[in-house]
Amino acid sequence: MLTTNTTQTFSEGMRVQLHPALDRWMMGDRYGEVVKITRTHVHVALDRSGQTLRFLPMHLTPNN
């Protein structure tokens, strides 16, 4: 089940986990850090690949 997170749920510098249904999660990019928030997307710098990609907020979970 996808989450009901919105862009207001996240802040820059927050650690997040990708949703397991995403291809990126299956390729090993499971965690990252929020670097930018736009009106509809959250930009995340991924730990494993080092890439910065944008995701819909419903595909992310805040990580403590």
Protein backbone atom coordinates (compact mmCIF):
# COMPACT_ATOMS: atom_id res chain seq x y z
CA MET A 1 0.00 0.00 0.00
CA LEU A 2 1.31 3.42 -0.92
CA THR A 3 1.54 6.08 1.76
CA THR A 4 -0.53 9.25 1.99
CA ASN A 5 2.51 11.48 2.46
CA THR A 6 2.52 14.95 0.90
CA THR A 7 5.41 17.30 0.19
CA GLN A 8 4.72 18.97 3.58
CA THR A 9 5.65 15.67 5.29
CA PHE A 10 9.30 16.07 4.25
CA SER A 11 12.04 18.62 4.87
CA GLU A 12 15.48 19.07 3.35
CA GLY A 13 18.10 16.88 5.01
CA MET A 14 15.54 14.29 6.14
CA ARG A 15 16.42 10.61 5.66
CA VAL A 16 13.87 8.62 3.65
CA GLN A 17 13.27 5.08 2.44
CA LEU A 18 11.90 4.29 -1.01
CA HIS A 19 8.77 2.19 -1.41
CA PRO A 20 9.57 -1.52 -2.05
CA ALA A 21 7.43 -1.55 -5.21
CA LEU A 22 9.85 0.79 -7.02
CA ASP A 23 12.48 -0.55 -9.42
CA ARG A 24 15.11 1.61 -7.71
CA TRP A 25 14.42 -0.17 -4.41
CA MET A 26 14.88 -3.56 -6.13
CA MET A 27 18.19 -2.34 -7.61
CA GLY A 28 19.50 -1.60 -4.14
CA ASP A 29 18.76 2.13 -3.82
CA ARG A 30 16.65 1.84 -0.68
CA TYR A 31 17.66 4.91 1.34
CA GLY A 32 18.54 8.51 0.67
CA GLU A 33 18.43 12.10 1.85
CA VAL A 34 16.00 14.80 0.73
CA VAL A 35 17.86 17.59 -1.08
CA LYS A 36 15.01 19.59 -2.62
CA ILE A 37 11.23 19.79 -2.38
CA THR A 38 9.04 21.13 -5.17
CA ARG A 39 5.28 21.53 -5.35
CA THR A 40 4.70 17.94 -6.50
CA HIS A 41 7.99 16.03 -6.11
CA VAL A 42 10.70 15.29 -3.57
CA HIS A 43 14.30 15.16 -4.85
CA VAL A 44 16.36 12.50 -3.07
CA ALA A 45 20.13 11.88 -3.15
CA LEU A 46 20.33 8.08 -3.07
CA ASP A 47 22.96 6.41 -0.89
CA ARG A 48 24.02 3.46 -3.02
CA SER A 49 24.14 4.94 -6.54
CA GLY A 50 24.86 8.55 -5.54
CA GLN A 51 22.26 9.79 -8.02
CA THR A 52 19.72 12.49 -7.20
CA LEU A 53 16.27 11.53 -8.47
CA ARG A 54 12.78 12.90 -8.00
CA PHE A 55 9.96 10.91 -6.46
CA LEU A 56 6.31 11.41 -5.67
CA PRO A 57 5.82 11.80 -1.90
CA MET A 58 3.57 8.72 -1.80
CA HIS A 59 6.58 6.58 -2.81
CA LEU A 60 8.68 7.68 0.18
CA THR A 61 8.64 6.95 3.90
CA PRO A 62 10.38 9.18 6.46
CA ASN A 63 13.22 7.28 8.15
CA ASN A 64 14.43 8.01 11.69
